[in-house]
Protein backbone atom coordinates (compact mmCIF):
# COMPACT_ATOMS: atom_id res chain seq x y z
CA MET A 1 0.00 0.00 0.00
CA THR A 2 1.45 3.32 -1.09
CA ILE A 3 0.89 6.38 1.04
CA GLN A 4 1.11 9.78 -0.63
CA THR A 5 2.15 12.92 1.21
CA ASN A 6 -0.83 14.20 3.23
CA ASN A 7 -1.34 16.99 5.73
CA LEU A 8 1.80 17.43 7.77
CA ILE A 9 -0.07 17.96 11.02
CA ALA A 10 -3.52 16.69 11.92
CA GLY A 11 -3.27 18.51 15.26
CA ILE A 12 -0.55 18.97 17.84
CA ASP A 13 -1.34 18.52 21.49
CA PRO A 14 0.21 20.45 24.40
CA GLU A 15 3.02 17.89 24.76
CA ILE A 16 4.66 19.53 21.75
CA LYS A 17 6.54 21.71 24.21
CA ASP A 18 8.37 18.60 25.43
CA ILE A 19 10.41 18.42 22.22
CA LEU A 20 11.32 22.07 22.09
CA VAL A 21 14.72 23.31 23.15
CA SER A 22 14.57 23.76 26.91
CA ASN A 23 15.62 27.39 27.04
CA ARG A 24 12.77 28.32 24.64
CA ARG A 25 10.03 27.00 26.93
CA GLU A 26 9.15 30.28 28.60
CA PHE A 27 8.75 31.88 25.18
CA PHE A 28 6.46 29.08 24.08
CA ARG A 29 4.31 29.19 27.20
CA GLY A 30 3.96 32.96 27.12
CA SER A 31 3.03 33.08 23.46
CA ALA A 32 0.63 30.16 23.81
CA ALA A 33 -1.16 31.91 26.66
CA LYS A 34 -1.73 34.94 24.44
CA LEU A 35 -2.67 33.14 21.23
CA GLY A 36 -4.29 29.89 22.35
CA LEU A 37 -2.17 26.74 22.34
CA MET A 38 -4.07 24.37 20.08
CA ALA A 39 -4.88 27.02 17.49
CA SER A 40 -1.38 28.42 17.33
CA ALA A 41 0.89 25.43 18.01
CA PRO A 42 2.27 25.19 14.42
CA VAL A 43 2.97 28.93 14.41
CA LEU A 44 4.71 28.78 17.78
CA LEU A 45 6.67 25.75 16.61
CA ALA A 46 7.92 27.63 13.57
CA MET A 47 8.86 30.72 15.59
CA THR A 48 10.73 28.67 18.17
CA ALA A 49 12.58 26.51 15.66
CA GLN A 50 13.60 29.54 13.64
CA ASN A 51 14.99 31.18 16.77
CA ALA A 52 16.94 28.04 17.65
CA PHE A 53 18.12 27.03 14.19
CA GLY A 54 17.99 30.26 12.23
CA GLN A 55 21.70 30.17 11.52
CA GLU A 56 23.04 28.45 8.42
CA LEU A 57 23.67 24.83 9.33
CA PRO A 58 26.72 22.79 8.30
CA GLN A 59 25.93 20.24 5.62
CA ASP A 60 26.75 17.27 7.86
CA ILE A 61 24.12 18.43 10.37
CA VAL A 62 21.60 19.06 7.59
CA ASP A 63 22.22 15.51 6.34
CA VAL A 64 21.53 14.07 9.80
CA LEU A 65 18.34 16.09 10.18
CA LEU A 66 17.15 14.93 6.75
CA PHE A 67 17.94 11.36 7.78
CA ALA A 68 15.95 11.83 10.99
CA LEU A 69 13.06 13.45 9.12
CA THR A 70 12.85 10.46 6.77
CA LEU A 71 12.49 8.10 9.73
CA GLU A 72 9.93 10.37 11.40
CA HIS A 73 7.91 10.48 8.17
CA ILE A 74 7.76 6.67 8.19
CA GLU A 75 6.63 6.57 11.81
CA ASP A 76 4.10 9.35 11.33
CA ALA A 77 2.54 7.58 8.34
CA PHE A 78 2.59 4.24 10.14
CA TYR A 79 0.63 5.50 13.14
CA ARG A 80 -1.78 7.57 11.05
CA SER A 81 -2.54 4.52 8.92
CA GLY A 82 -2.95 2.23 11.90
CA LEU A 83 -5.33 4.58 13.67
CA GLU A 84 -7.37 4.93 10.47
CA ALA A 85 -7.59 1.15 9.92
CA PRO A 86 -10.99 -0.02 11.26
CA GLY A 87 -10.70 -2.46 14.16
CA LEU A 88 -6.94 -2.86 13.92
CA ILE A 89 -5.94 -1.47 17.32
CA PRO A 90 -7.81 -2.89 20.36
CA GLU A 91 -9.86 -0.25 22.13
CA GLU A 92 -7.74 -0.36 25.29
CA TYR A 93 -4.66 0.66 23.30
CA VAL A 94 -6.14 3.28 20.96
CA GLY A 95 -5.33 6.12 23.36
CA ILE A 96 -1.69 5.05 23.62
CA PHE A 97 -1.17 4.78 19.87
CA ASN A 98 -3.04 8.01 19.30
CA GLN A 99 -0.61 9.80 21.63
CA ILE A 100 2.42 8.17 20.02
CA GLY A 101 1.08 9.27 16.66
CA LYS A 102 0.76 12.86 17.85
CA HIS A 103 4.35 12.78 19.07
CA GLU A 104 5.59 11.54 15.70
CA ALA A 105 3.61 14.24 13.88
CA ALA A 106 5.19 16.81 16.19
CA HIS A 107 8.66 15.44 15.43
CA VAL A 108 7.99 15.74 11.70
CA ALA A 109 6.80 19.33 12.12
CA PHE A 110 9.77 20.27 14.26
CA LEU A 111 12.40 18.83 11.92
CA THR A 112 10.64 20.24 8.86
CA THR A 113 10.66 23.71 10.35
CA ALA A 114 14.26 23.40 11.54
CA LEU A 115 15.40 22.43 8.04
CA GLY A 116 13.39 25.13 6.31
CA SER A 117 13.81 25.01 2.53
CA ALA A 118 16.07 21.96 2.83
CA ALA A 119 13.25 19.83 4.30
CA ILE A 120 11.79 16.96 2.33
CA GLU A 121 8.13 16.01 2.05
CA ARG A 122 7.02 12.54 2.98
CA PRO A 123 8.32 10.03 0.43
CA GLU A 124 6.05 7.36 -0.98
CA LEU A 125 5.92 4.50 1.51
CA ASP A 126 5.09 0.83 1.45
CA LEU A 127 4.21 -0.21 4.99
CA THR A 128 4.08 -3.86 3.93
CA ALA A 129 7.79 -3.75 2.97
CA GLY A 130 7.12 -5.23 -0.44
CA GLY A 131 4.58 -7.69 0.91
CA LYS A 132 6.74 -9.06 3.72
CA TYR A 133 4.23 -7.66 6.19
CA ALA A 134 1.13 -7.94 4.02
CA ASP A 135 -1.17 -7.82 7.04
CA ALA A 136 0.53 -4.81 8.64
CA LEU A 137 -2.73 -2.88 8.84
CA THR A 138 -5.10 -5.80 9.45
CA ASN A 139 -3.31 -7.88 12.09
CA PHE A 140 -2.53 -6.19 15.40
CA ASP A 141 0.32 -8.58 16.21
CA THR A 142 2.07 -7.62 12.98
CA TYR A 143 1.33 -3.95 13.57
CA LEU A 144 2.78 -4.23 17.07
CA THR A 145 5.91 -5.93 15.75
CA LEU A 146 6.46 -3.13 13.24
CA SER A 147 5.80 -0.48 15.87
CA GLN A 148 8.51 -1.94 18.10
CA THR A 149 10.84 -2.19 15.10
CA PHE A 150 10.35 1.45 14.12
CA GLU A 151 10.68 2.76 17.68
CA ASP A 152 13.80 0.71 18.45
CA LEU A 153 15.24 1.85 15.12
CA GLY A 154 14.56 5.50 15.94
CA VAL A 155 16.24 5.22 19.32
CA ALA A 156 19.35 3.61 17.84
CA ALA A 157 19.43 6.11 14.96
CA TYR A 158 19.38 9.23 17.13
CA LYS A 159 22.02 7.73 19.39
CA GLY A 160 24.23 6.91 16.44
CA GLN A 161 24.19 10.48 15.11
CA ALA A 162 24.67 12.33 18.41
CA GLY A 163 28.36 12.87 17.73
CA VAL A 164 27.65 14.70 14.48
CA LEU A 165 25.16 17.00 16.19
CA ALA A 166 27.35 17.64 19.25
CA PRO A 167 28.93 20.90 17.95
CA ASN A 168 25.49 22.56 17.92
CA ASP A 169 24.08 22.64 21.45
CA ASP A 170 20.56 23.65 20.42
CA ILE A 171 20.17 20.91 17.84
CA LEU A 172 21.77 18.26 20.04
CA THR A 173 19.42 19.20 22.89
CA ALA A 174 16.38 18.92 20.62
CA ALA A 175 17.58 15.59 19.20
CA LEU A 176 18.11 14.17 22.68
CA GLN A 177 14.62 15.26 23.69
CA ILE A 178 13.18 13.42 20.70
CA HIS A 179 15.43 10.43 21.40
CA SER A 180 14.14 10.05 24.96
CA VAL A 181 10.52 10.20 23.81
CA GLU A 182 11.19 7.54 21.17
CA ALA A 183 12.69 5.36 23.91
CA ARG A 184 9.52 5.73 25.97
CA HIS A 185 7.47 4.75 22.94
CA ALA A 186 9.62 1.65 22.50
CA ALA A 187 9.16 0.69 26.15
CA ILE A 188 5.36 0.96 26.16
CA VAL A 189 5.03 -0.86 22.84
CA ARG A 190 7.20 -3.67 24.14
CA LYS A 191 5.09 -3.88 27.28
CA ILE A 192 1.88 -4.12 25.25
CA GLY A 193 3.44 -7.00 23.34
CA GLY A 194 4.31 -8.82 26.56
CA LYS A 195 8.05 -8.18 26.26
CA LYS A 196 10.55 -6.57 28.61
CA PRO A 197 10.78 -2.80 28.04
CA TRP A 198 14.57 -3.11 27.78
CA ASP A 199 17.23 -5.54 26.58
CA GLY A 200 19.96 -4.62 29.03
CA ALA A 201 21.74 -1.82 30.84
CA PHE A 202 23.17 -0.35 27.63
CA ASP A 203 21.63 0.15 24.19
CA GLU A 204 23.78 -0.02 21.08
CA PRO A 205 23.73 2.81 18.51
CA MET A 206 23.28 2.09 14.82
CA THR A 207 25.07 3.75 11.92
CA LYS A 208 23.15 5.66 9.27
CA GLU A 209 23.86 2.85 6.80
CA GLU A 210 22.48 0.20 9.18
CA VAL A 211 19.34 2.22 9.86
CA LEU A 212 18.69 2.92 6.19
CA ALA A 213 19.16 -0.76 5.37
CA ALA A 214 16.46 -1.60 7.92
CA ALA A 215 14.11 1.19 6.87
CA GLY A 216 14.73 0.90 3.14
CA PRO A 217 12.10 -1.80 2.43
CA PHE A 218 9.38 0.57 3.67
CA LEU A 219 10.35 3.26 1.17
CA ALA A 220 8.36 2.59 -2.01
């Protein structure tokens, strides 16, 4: 199933502030109080990201952000599609996956704004990975397996690129905030699937090449 680019944001909830650079939070709260948070969240996001990342970015950092945006596009589309699939997600878990989906949409919006004109739109996706997961949007067990795969992949990807982002404190801070949220997603998804939320005391990073090899089959 191929998914075309659709609306970037279906709605951002107040937790958007959790992925903003920490020293911009007072600005965000103050502006939200004046303008109304839900109505103005995309505008506030753009203003904050432009303040943080308005400077011209080195190409290696741009490349990492584009890499991250590609992964976030996959996750955003995956959760949107799952929530739209009738009867796929059991009622007791709909709220959890709805919240995860909102987080992924917020990550897409944040990275898109940070990259400005360099940002990419969502590529065409195949959530069945060429038919390997043909029941991805009809079988909850398969959907859960892919959710864990994508979340674990995101955690390892952000960790693997931290060194490249390190020279820019603002961007590194934002990336680490996204990384920690992805880790929480991975833990809750594992728990829903009856697995331990962790594999050990230390997680291994993955290189960009390793991540793209894993994500590649989902890019149509």
